[in-house]
Amino acid sequence: MGGVLGQVSKNEKRHKMHYGVLKDDVSQAIEKKKTRGKELKDSKKSQALAPVPDRIPLPPLSEALREERRKAMRDANKLTLVSQESPPSVCMLTALNAYGGVSCCDVSDDSSMLCIGGSDGSIELTAFDEDQKLKTLRDMEELERIDTDADNISDLLYDYGSAKSEVTLHGHSGPVYSTHFSPDNRLLVTSSLDSTIRLWSLETQKNVVVYRLSRPVWQVQFSNRGYYMCSGGDDNTAALWCTERMHPLRIFADSYGSVNCVDFHPNCNYIVGGSEDRYVRVWDVLTGTCVRTFCGHSAGVSAVKVSPCGRFIISTAGDGAVCVWDVAYQRLAGMETKEFRGAMGSICFSRDGGSFAVSQGGESLSIYSLDNMIAATSNVATNNELCFDPKINMPNFNIFTYPTLQTAVVGLHFTRRNLLLAVGAYNA
């Protein structure tokens, strides 16, 4: 078991990583509700390990993103914690008459929009709220006649008469493998078998940028600040992009196989990638260095996700295993093995960060407790790595499993109140 080149050498473990996350108002509200007045020692320690705010250039928060954070703050007060005693409610969204099949999906952070990528190259946008349909900007001539001093100028910019509940976007010439909304819900990024990454404006519902590559791109993701994007593709590389340039800012070429999945670290300073060579790697955005390499899967990695605290990485692979990696001690914290072997995977953390949901493309989804895993491993001496044994198939790690009848689960999303949305396609 392990990567194609065997275990990771000690020389590859010498890099320092600032994995901590600076807490914003939303994170602090959730942490306060989770601890219920207890001393936040772990939270303070995590912030101490965070990188300095200006380590990488980040754009200032836009007004749209500030408004989204204000909404998230209001929802945080109504959040329900997920635990073994409090299972989450699950809403299953099934795509019917999906000609050619559903290859990927994504739900916006505020859970107002759903995007489904099809095997025929089309992209279906759906607004969940009938009162908040998919509106577009007015024509240029109408925009020029708007009074810029009006108090309701933001409402005057949009043509509400042409708003629709569903919109289809066309541009890709091959199956769409990845879709992701920007945090402010103004942009959508997609990748495809046609070796392109496309950036779409949701305000005009048109393709605004095409990034052309040499090989298919399996996944593309926005950072939680927008602006930056990361991608993984069939050319054995991961890449860092930004919305203002046509060429990648960084190319990470450490993999010996296709980079099947990527994810941004919550502090935006690192990119995590899972490869067909069975390794999970962490790259530093600033230096381009691979600062962490984990091996333990016996098949290509299909999905990766970083915990909201920034310390743990969850990965799934074609061998059916679900692994929890500890970034701080550079080791495997725990694993659950499964007989099911899926070629695709989806991982989503609950908003409180204590649990996560996993689907491997089959007709079920599972809920795991990261809190239970942390509690079990914290009882082991952590100063000596040789005496630590990963928790394999630990009791109370997989706390819930929800089967479907004939729907393969393609994507997962926790709303801001911890309602779990599962998206799939009906298998007739």
Protein backbone atom coordinates (compact mmCIF):
# COMPACT_ATOMS: atom_id res chain seq x y z
CA MET A 1 0.00 0.00 0.00
CA GLY A 2 1.33 3.44 -0.90
CA GLY A 3 2.45 5.55 -3.84
CA VAL A 4 4.07 4.25 -6.98
CA LEU A 5 7.49 5.25 -5.59
CA GLY A 6 6.89 3.78 -2.15
CA GLN A 7 6.88 5.58 1.19
CA VAL A 8 7.74 9.24 1.62
CA SER A 9 11.38 9.92 2.52
CA LYS A 10 12.41 11.96 5.57
CA ASN A 11 13.94 14.53 3.24
CA GLU A 12 10.46 15.35 1.94
CA LYS A 13 9.20 16.08 5.48
CA ARG A 14 11.53 18.96 6.24
CA HIS A 15 9.30 21.78 4.99
CA LYS A 16 7.43 24.04 7.39
CA MET A 17 3.75 24.63 6.71
CA HIS A 18 1.56 27.43 8.06
CA TYR A 19 -1.65 25.43 8.16
CA GLY A 20 -3.53 27.62 10.66
CA VAL A 21 -6.54 29.72 9.68
CA LEU A 22 -7.33 33.21 10.89
CA LYS A 23 -10.88 33.20 12.25
CA ASP A 24 -13.41 35.62 10.78
CA ASP A 25 -16.68 36.63 12.44
CA VAL A 26 -18.58 33.66 10.98
CA SER A 27 -15.97 31.12 12.10
CA GLN A 28 -15.84 32.59 15.58
CA ALA A 29 -19.64 32.45 15.91
CA ILE A 30 -19.69 28.78 14.88
CA GLU A 31 -16.75 27.96 17.18
CA LYS A 32 -18.47 29.67 20.10
CA LYS A 33 -21.66 27.70 19.49
CA LYS A 34 -19.71 24.45 19.17
CA THR A 35 -17.70 24.89 22.37
CA ARG A 36 -20.56 26.51 24.34
CA GLY A 37 -18.37 28.79 26.40
CA LYS A 38 -15.39 26.47 26.84
CA GLU A 39 -11.89 27.85 26.54
CA LEU A 40 -10.81 28.01 22.91
CA LYS A 41 -7.23 26.76 23.32
CA ASP A 42 -7.17 24.85 20.03
CA SER A 43 -8.65 27.82 18.19
CA LYS A 44 -5.98 30.18 19.56
CA LYS A 45 -3.25 27.68 18.68
CA SER A 46 -4.58 27.35 15.14
CA GLN A 47 -4.53 31.12 14.64
CA ALA A 48 -0.95 31.25 15.95
CA LEU A 49 0.07 28.78 13.24
CA ALA A 50 -1.60 30.81 10.48
CA PRO A 51 0.49 32.63 7.85
CA VAL A 52 0.80 36.40 8.00
CA PRO A 53 -2.11 38.05 6.15
CA ASP A 54 0.11 39.58 3.46
CA ARG A 55 2.13 36.43 2.73
CA ILE A 56 0.45 36.18 -0.68
CA PRO A 57 -1.29 39.06 -2.49
CA LEU A 58 -5.04 38.87 -1.92
CA PRO A 59 -7.59 41.30 -3.37
CA PRO A 60 -9.67 43.37 -0.94
CA LEU A 61 -13.08 41.99 -0.08
CA SER A 62 -15.65 43.16 -2.61
CA GLU A 63 -18.96 44.56 -1.44
CA ALA A 64 -20.73 41.49 -2.84
CA LEU A 65 -18.49 39.19 -0.81
CA ARG A 66 -18.97 41.33 2.30
CA GLU A 67 -22.73 41.00 1.89
CA GLU A 68 -22.42 37.22 1.55
CA ARG A 69 -20.43 37.08 4.80
CA ARG A 70 -23.08 39.15 6.56
CA LYS A 71 -25.71 36.65 5.41
CA ALA A 72 -23.50 33.77 6.57
CA MET A 73 -23.18 35.43 9.96
CA ARG A 74 -26.96 35.55 10.35
CA ASP A 75 -27.30 31.89 9.34
CA ALA A 76 -24.52 30.85 11.75
CA ASN A 77 -26.79 31.72 14.67
CA LYS A 78 -29.34 29.18 13.38
CA LEU A 79 -26.83 26.43 12.59
CA THR A 80 -27.48 22.91 13.87
CA LEU A 81 -24.37 20.99 14.90
CA VAL A 82 -23.91 17.55 13.30
CA SER A 83 -22.96 14.77 15.70
CA GLN A 84 -23.64 11.13 16.47
CA GLU A 85 -26.60 12.22 18.60
CA SER A 86 -27.81 14.79 16.05
CA PRO A 87 -27.85 13.40 12.48
CA PRO A 88 -28.19 15.89 9.64
CA SER A 89 -31.27 16.20 7.48
CA VAL A 90 -30.54 15.16 3.90
CA CYS A 91 -32.27 16.54 0.81
CA MET A 92 -31.69 14.42 -2.31
CA LEU A 93 -31.86 16.31 -5.61
CA THR A 94 -32.25 13.96 -8.58
CA ALA A 95 -31.70 14.99 -12.19
CA LEU A 96 -34.24 13.39 -14.52
CA ASN A 97 -33.94 13.09 -18.31
CA ALA A 98 -30.24 13.94 -18.13
CA TYR A 99 -29.36 12.99 -21.67
CA GLY A 100 -25.81 11.65 -21.76
CA GLY A 101 -25.61 11.64 -17.97
CA VAL A 102 -24.53 13.99 -15.17
CA SER A 103 -20.76 14.21 -14.86
CA CYS A 104 -20.40 16.89 -12.13
CA CYS A 105 -22.31 19.45 -10.10
CA ASP A 106 -21.89 22.28 -7.62
CA VAL A 107 -24.10 24.30 -5.28
CA SER A 108 -23.34 27.95 -4.54
CA ASP A 109 -22.11 28.78 -1.04
CA ASP A 110 -25.42 30.42 -0.10
CA SER A 111 -27.30 27.40 -1.53
CA SER A 112 -29.28 29.60 -3.93
CA MET A 113 -28.07 28.05 -7.20
CA LEU A 114 -27.30 24.61 -8.58
CA CYS A 115 -24.99 23.95 -11.50
CA ILE A 116 -24.93 20.60 -13.30
CA GLY A 117 -22.32 19.67 -15.90
CA GLY A 118 -23.40 17.19 -18.53
CA SER A 119 -21.59 14.60 -20.59
CA ASP A 120 -22.86 16.40 -23.71
CA GLY A 121 -20.86 19.54 -22.80
CA SER A 122 -23.84 21.57 -21.58
CA ILE A 123 -24.10 23.35 -18.22
CA GLU A 124 -27.48 23.66 -16.50
CA LEU A 125 -28.00 26.49 -14.01
CA THR A 126 -31.00 26.32 -11.67
CA ALA A 127 -32.21 28.86 -9.10
CA PHE A 128 -33.69 27.19 -6.02
CA ASP A 129 -35.67 30.27 -4.95
CA GLU A 130 -38.46 31.22 -7.36
CA ASP A 131 -38.34 34.79 -6.05
CA GLN A 132 -34.60 35.09 -6.77
CA LYS A 133 -34.34 33.95 -10.37
CA LEU A 134 -31.26 34.06 -12.59
CA LYS A 135 -31.24 37.68 -13.72
CA THR A 136 -28.95 39.37 -16.24
CA LEU A 137 -27.55 42.86 -16.64
CA ARG A 138 -29.41 45.29 -18.87
CA ASP A 139 -28.16 46.17 -22.35
CA MET A 140 -25.35 48.68 -22.66
CA GLU A 141 -27.66 51.42 -23.95
CA GLU A 142 -29.98 51.00 -20.96
CA LEU A 143 -27.07 50.97 -18.52
CA GLU A 144 -25.80 54.29 -19.89
CA ARG A 145 -29.15 55.94 -19.10
CA ILE A 146 -29.14 54.87 -15.44
CA ASP A 147 -28.70 57.61 -12.84
CA THR A 148 -25.48 56.69 -11.05
CA ASP A 149 -26.52 58.73 -8.01
CA ALA A 150 -29.70 56.72 -7.44
CA ASP A 151 -29.99 54.97 -4.07
CA ASN A 152 -31.24 51.73 -5.64
CA ILE A 153 -28.66 51.61 -8.42
CA SER A 154 -27.88 47.94 -7.75
CA ASP A 155 -31.50 47.06 -8.56
CA LEU A 156 -31.56 49.23 -11.68
CA LEU A 157 -28.63 47.35 -13.24
CA TYR A 158 -30.58 44.12 -13.80
CA ASP A 159 -33.34 43.20 -16.21
CA TYR A 160 -35.80 41.43 -13.92
CA GLY A 161 -38.30 40.93 -16.72
CA SER A 162 -36.05 38.40 -18.47
CA ALA A 163 -35.08 36.51 -15.29
CA LYS A 164 -35.41 32.72 -15.52
CA SER A 165 -35.38 29.82 -13.09
CA GLU A 166 -33.24 27.67 -15.41
CA VAL A 167 -30.51 28.61 -17.88
CA THR A 168 -28.39 26.40 -20.15
CA LEU A 169 -24.83 27.43 -20.99
CA HIS A 170 -23.06 26.09 -24.08
CA GLY A 171 -19.37 26.34 -24.91
CA HIS A 172 -17.57 23.09 -24.11
CA SER A 173 -17.17 20.52 -26.88
CA GLY A 174 -16.69 17.58 -24.49
CA PRO A 175 -18.02 16.28 -21.18
CA VAL A 176 -17.88 18.81 -18.35
CA TYR A 177 -15.88 17.32 -15.47
CA SER A 178 -15.94 20.16 -12.93
CA THR A 179 -17.99 23.23 -12.04
CA HIS A 180 -17.50 25.69 -9.19
CA PHE A 181 -19.17 28.97 -8.16
CA SER A 182 -17.13 31.95 -6.99
CA PRO A 183 -17.78 32.98 -3.36
CA ASP A 184 -19.64 36.15 -4.43
CA ASN A 185 -21.85 34.22 -6.91
CA ARG A 186 -20.76 36.39 -9.84
CA LEU A 187 -18.57 33.90 -11.68
CA LEU A 188 -18.65 30.22 -12.57
CA VAL A 189 -15.59 28.22 -13.59
CA THR A 190 -15.81 24.92 -15.47
CA SER A 191 -13.39 22.37 -16.92
CA SER A 192 -13.83 19.73 -19.57
CA LEU A 193 -12.45 16.87 -21.61
CA ASP A 194 -11.93 19.40 -24.42
CA SER A 195 -8.76 20.62 -22.59
CA THR A 196 -10.22 24.01 -21.65
CA ILE A 197 -11.14 25.90 -18.50
CA ARG A 198 -13.97 28.36 -19.05
CA LEU A 199 -14.90 31.32 -16.88
CA TRP A 200 -18.55 32.36 -17.07
CA SER A 201 -20.18 35.59 -15.92
CA LEU A 202 -23.42 34.85 -14.10
CA GLU A 203 -24.47 38.48 -14.55
CA THR A 204 -24.42 38.19 -18.35
CA GLN A 205 -24.74 34.38 -18.52
CA LYS A 206 -21.97 34.28 -21.11
CA ASN A 207 -18.49 32.81 -21.39
CA VAL A 208 -15.95 35.59 -20.75
CA VAL A 209 -12.59 33.75 -20.68
CA VAL A 210 -11.27 30.50 -22.16
CA TYR A 211 -8.04 29.01 -20.75
CA ARG A 212 -6.67 26.50 -23.25
CA LEU A 213 -4.46 23.61 -22.13
CA SER A 214 -2.83 20.63 -23.81
CA ARG A 215 -4.71 17.88 -21.96
CA PRO A 216 -8.14 17.39 -20.31
CA VAL A 217 -8.74 19.15 -16.99
CA TRP A 218 -10.39 17.01 -14.33
CA GLN A 219 -11.15 19.61 -11.67
CA VAL A 220 -10.99 23.36 -11.10
CA GLN A 221 -11.75 25.24 -7.86
CA PHE A 222 -12.02 28.85 -6.66
CA SER A 223 -10.33 29.93 -3.44
CA ASN A 224 -12.62 31.17 -0.66
CA ARG A 225 -11.65 34.75 -1.58
CA GLY A 226 -12.37 34.33 -5.27
CA TYR A 227 -9.73 35.70 -7.67
CA TYR A 228 -7.44 32.64 -7.46
CA MET A 229 -8.30 29.26 -9.01
CA CYS A 230 -6.53 25.91 -8.96
CA SER A 231 -6.80 23.07 -11.45
CA GLY A 232 -5.65 19.49 -11.89
CA GLY A 233 -5.41 17.71 -15.20
CA ASP A 234 -4.29 14.84 -17.34
CA ASP A 235 -0.91 16.49 -18.03
CA ASN A 236 0.28 15.32 -14.56
CA THR A 237 0.28 18.87 -13.18
CA ALA A 238 -1.73 21.11 -10.90
CA ALA A 239 -1.85 24.82 -11.66
CA LEU A 240 -2.67 28.13 -10.00
CA TRP A 241 -4.69 30.68 -12.00
CA CYS A 242 -6.23 34.07 -11.39
CA THR A 243 -9.19 35.77 -13.03
CA GLU A 244 -7.06 38.65 -14.35
CA ARG A 245 -4.53 36.64 -16.39
CA MET A 246 -4.73 34.17 -19.23
CA HIS A 247 -1.73 32.07 -18.18
CA PRO A 248 -1.13 30.09 -14.98
CA LEU A 249 0.71 31.83 -12.14
CA ARG A 250 2.21 28.54 -10.90
CA ILE A 251 2.55 25.05 -12.36
CA PHE A 252 3.13 22.23 -9.88
CA ALA A 253 4.76 19.33 -11.72
CA ASP A 254 5.62 16.90 -8.91
CA SER A 255 3.06 14.22 -9.79
CA TYR A 256 3.90 11.02 -11.64
CA GLY A 257 0.31 10.57 -12.78
CA SER A 258 -2.78 12.52 -13.67
CA VAL A 259 -3.87 15.02 -11.00
CA ASN A 260 -7.47 13.89 -10.54
CA CYS A 261 -8.62 16.31 -7.84
CA VAL A 262 -7.61 19.58 -6.18
CA ASP A 263 -8.71 21.79 -3.31
CA PHE A 264 -7.68 25.14 -1.86
CA HIS A 265 -6.52 25.36 1.74
CA PRO A 266 -8.82 27.68 3.79
CA ASN A 267 -6.00 30.21 4.28
CA CYS A 268 -5.45 30.35 0.47
CA ASN A 269 -1.69 29.75 0.84
CA TYR A 270 -1.70 26.10 -0.20
CA ILE A 271 -3.22 23.81 -2.82
CA VAL A 272 -3.92 20.13 -2.18
CA GLY A 273 -3.95 17.62 -5.02
CA GLY A 274 -4.66 13.92 -5.36
CA SER A 275 -3.04 11.99 -8.19
CA GLU A 276 -3.30 8.76 -10.10
CA ASP A 277 0.12 7.85 -8.63
CA ARG A 278 -1.73 7.33 -5.29
CA TYR A 279 -0.13 10.32 -3.53
CA VAL A 280 -1.80 13.28 -1.85
CA ARG A 281 0.37 16.39 -2.13
CA VAL A 282 0.28 19.90 -0.67
CA TRP A 283 1.88 22.75 -2.63
CA ASP A 284 2.87 26.18 -1.36
CA VAL A 285 1.28 28.87 -3.53
CA LEU A 286 4.05 31.39 -2.76
CA THR A 287 7.13 29.25 -3.46
CA GLY A 288 5.68 26.49 -5.65
CA THR A 289 7.27 23.88 -3.36
CA CYS A 290 5.63 20.58 -2.45
CA VAL A 291 5.55 20.88 1.36
CA ARG A 292 3.62 17.68 2.19
CA THR A 293 3.36 14.27 0.52
CA PHE A 294 1.09 11.53 1.87
CA CYS A 295 0.82 7.94 0.70
CA GLY A 296 -1.46 5.15 1.85
CA HIS A 297 -3.97 4.55 -0.94
CA SER A 298 -3.68 1.49 -3.16
CA ALA A 299 -5.42 3.17 -6.13
CA GLY A 300 -5.59 6.59 -7.74
CA VAL A 301 -6.95 9.37 -5.52
CA SER A 302 -10.42 10.51 -6.62
CA ALA A 303 -11.26 13.36 -4.19
CA VAL A 304 -9.52 15.57 -1.61
CA LYS A 305 -10.88 18.12 0.86
CA VAL A 306 -9.21 20.26 3.53
CA SER A 307 -10.94 20.66 6.89
CA PRO A 308 -12.12 24.19 7.84
CA CYS A 309 -9.47 24.29 10.59
CA GLY A 310 -6.77 23.66 7.97
CA ARG A 311 -5.03 20.82 9.83
CA PHE A 312 -6.64 17.72 8.30
CA ILE A 313 -7.05 16.48 4.73
CA ILE A 314 -9.68 13.94 3.71
CA SER A 315 -9.10 11.81 0.62
CA THR A 316 -10.91 9.02 -1.18
CA ALA A 317 -9.60 6.74 -3.89
CA GLY A 318 -10.55 4.00 -6.29
CA ASP A 319 -9.71 1.43 -3.62
CA GLY A 320 -12.77 2.58 -1.66
CA ALA A 321 -10.72 3.85 1.30
CA VAL A 322 -11.46 7.10 3.14
CA CYS A 323 -8.27 8.54 4.66
CA VAL A 324 -7.72 11.32 7.21
CA TRP A 325 -4.28 12.95 6.98
CA ASP A 326 -2.78 15.05 9.78
CA VAL A 327 -0.88 17.94 8.21
CA ALA A 328 0.74 18.99 11.50
CA TYR A 329 2.45 15.63 12.17
CA GLN A 330 2.67 14.58 8.49
CA ARG A 331 1.00 11.22 8.97
CA LEU A 332 -2.12 9.15 8.40
CA ALA A 333 -4.47 9.75 11.35
CA GLY A 334 -7.12 7.22 10.36
CA MET A 335 -8.70 5.24 7.56
CA GLU A 336 -11.85 3.37 6.74
CA THR A 337 -11.74 0.68 4.09
CA LYS A 338 -14.72 -0.11 1.89
CA GLU A 339 -15.51 -2.83 -0.59
CA PHE A 340 -17.12 -0.36 -2.99
CA ARG A 341 -14.68 0.90 -5.60
CA GLY A 342 -15.72 4.10 -7.36
CA ALA A 343 -13.95 6.08 -10.03
CA MET A 344 -15.26 9.42 -8.74
CA GLY A 345 -15.71 10.95 -5.32
CA SER A 346 -17.21 13.91 -3.51
CA ILE A 347 -16.36 15.21 -0.02
CA CYS A 348 -18.03 18.04 1.86
CA PHE A 349 -17.47 19.31 5.41
CA SER A 350 -20.26 20.43 7.70
CA ARG A 351 -20.17 24.14 8.50
CA ASP A 352 -18.96 23.48 12.05
CA GLY A 353 -16.09 21.32 10.71
CA GLY A 354 -16.75 18.42 13.07
CA SER A 355 -18.18 16.05 10.44
CA PHE A 356 -17.93 15.43 6.72
CA ALA A 357 -19.98 13.65 4.08
CA VAL A 358 -18.51 11.32 1.46
CA SER A 359 -19.88 9.84 -1.74
CA GLN A 360 -17.87 7.71 -4.13
CA GLY A 361 -20.25 7.77 -7.07
CA GLY A 362 -22.41 4.92 -5.80
CA GLU A 363 -26.00 4.79 -4.63
CA SER A 364 -25.29 5.92 -1.06
CA LEU A 365 -23.56 8.58 1.00
CA SER A 366 -21.86 8.37 4.39
CA ILE A 367 -21.33 10.80 7.26
CA TYR A 368 -18.06 10.64 9.22
CA SER A 369 -17.17 12.26 12.53
CA LEU A 370 -13.82 14.04 12.42
CA ASP A 371 -14.33 15.05 16.05
CA ASN A 372 -14.44 11.38 17.10
CA MET A 373 -11.28 10.68 15.11
CA ILE A 374 -9.46 13.62 16.71
CA ALA A 375 -10.58 12.56 20.18
CA ALA A 376 -9.29 9.02 19.61
CA THR A 377 -5.91 10.12 18.26
CA SER A 378 -5.37 12.82 20.90
CA ASN A 379 -5.09 10.11 23.56
CA VAL A 380 -1.98 8.76 21.83
CA ALA A 381 1.43 10.25 22.50
CA THR A 382 2.12 12.55 19.58
CA ASN A 383 5.73 13.45 20.30
CA ASN A 384 7.11 10.17 18.97
CA GLU A 385 5.87 9.34 15.48
CA LEU A 386 7.11 5.74 15.71
CA CYS A 387 4.65 4.86 18.46
CA PHE A 388 1.60 6.15 16.59
CA ASP A 389 -0.66 3.70 14.79
CA PRO A 390 -3.37 5.03 12.46
CA LYS A 391 -6.94 4.24 13.44
CA ILE A 392 -8.17 1.69 10.88
CA ASN A 393 -11.95 1.15 10.70
CA MET A 394 -12.36 2.91 14.03
CA PRO A 395 -15.76 2.57 15.75
CA ASN A 396 -17.93 5.71 15.70
CA PHE A 397 -16.00 7.15 12.76
CA ASN A 398 -18.62 6.32 10.12
CA ILE A 399 -21.67 7.47 12.07
CA PHE A 400 -24.39 7.46 9.39
CA THR A 401 -25.01 5.93 5.96
CA TYR A 402 -27.88 6.96 3.70
CA PRO A 403 -28.69 4.68 0.74
CA THR A 404 -30.67 5.76 -2.32
CA LEU A 405 -32.90 3.61 -4.49
CA GLN A 406 -31.49 4.11 -7.97
CA THR A 407 -29.68 7.44 -7.82
CA ALA A 408 -25.89 7.67 -8.03
CA VAL A 409 -24.73 10.51 -5.78
CA VAL A 410 -22.50 12.88 -7.76
CA GLY A 411 -22.12 15.88 -5.45
CA LEU A 412 -22.60 16.96 -1.82
CA HIS A 413 -23.14 20.32 -0.16
CA PHE A 414 -23.82 21.47 3.40
CA THR A 415 -25.93 24.63 3.62
CA ARG A 416 -25.06 27.36 6.10
CA ARG A 417 -27.46 25.74 8.57
CA ASN A 418 -26.00 22.24 8.03
CA LEU A 419 -28.74 20.81 5.83
CA LEU A 420 -27.01 18.28 3.57
CA LEU A 421 -27.85 18.54 -0.13
CA ALA A 422 -27.00 15.51 -2.28
CA VAL A 423 -27.17 15.71 -6.07
CA GLY A 424 -27.34 12.77 -8.44
CA ALA A 425 -28.76 11.33 -11.63
CA TYR A 426 -31.52 8.76 -11.81
CA ASN A 427 -30.36 5.36 -13.06
CA ALA A 428 -33.27 3.79 -14.94
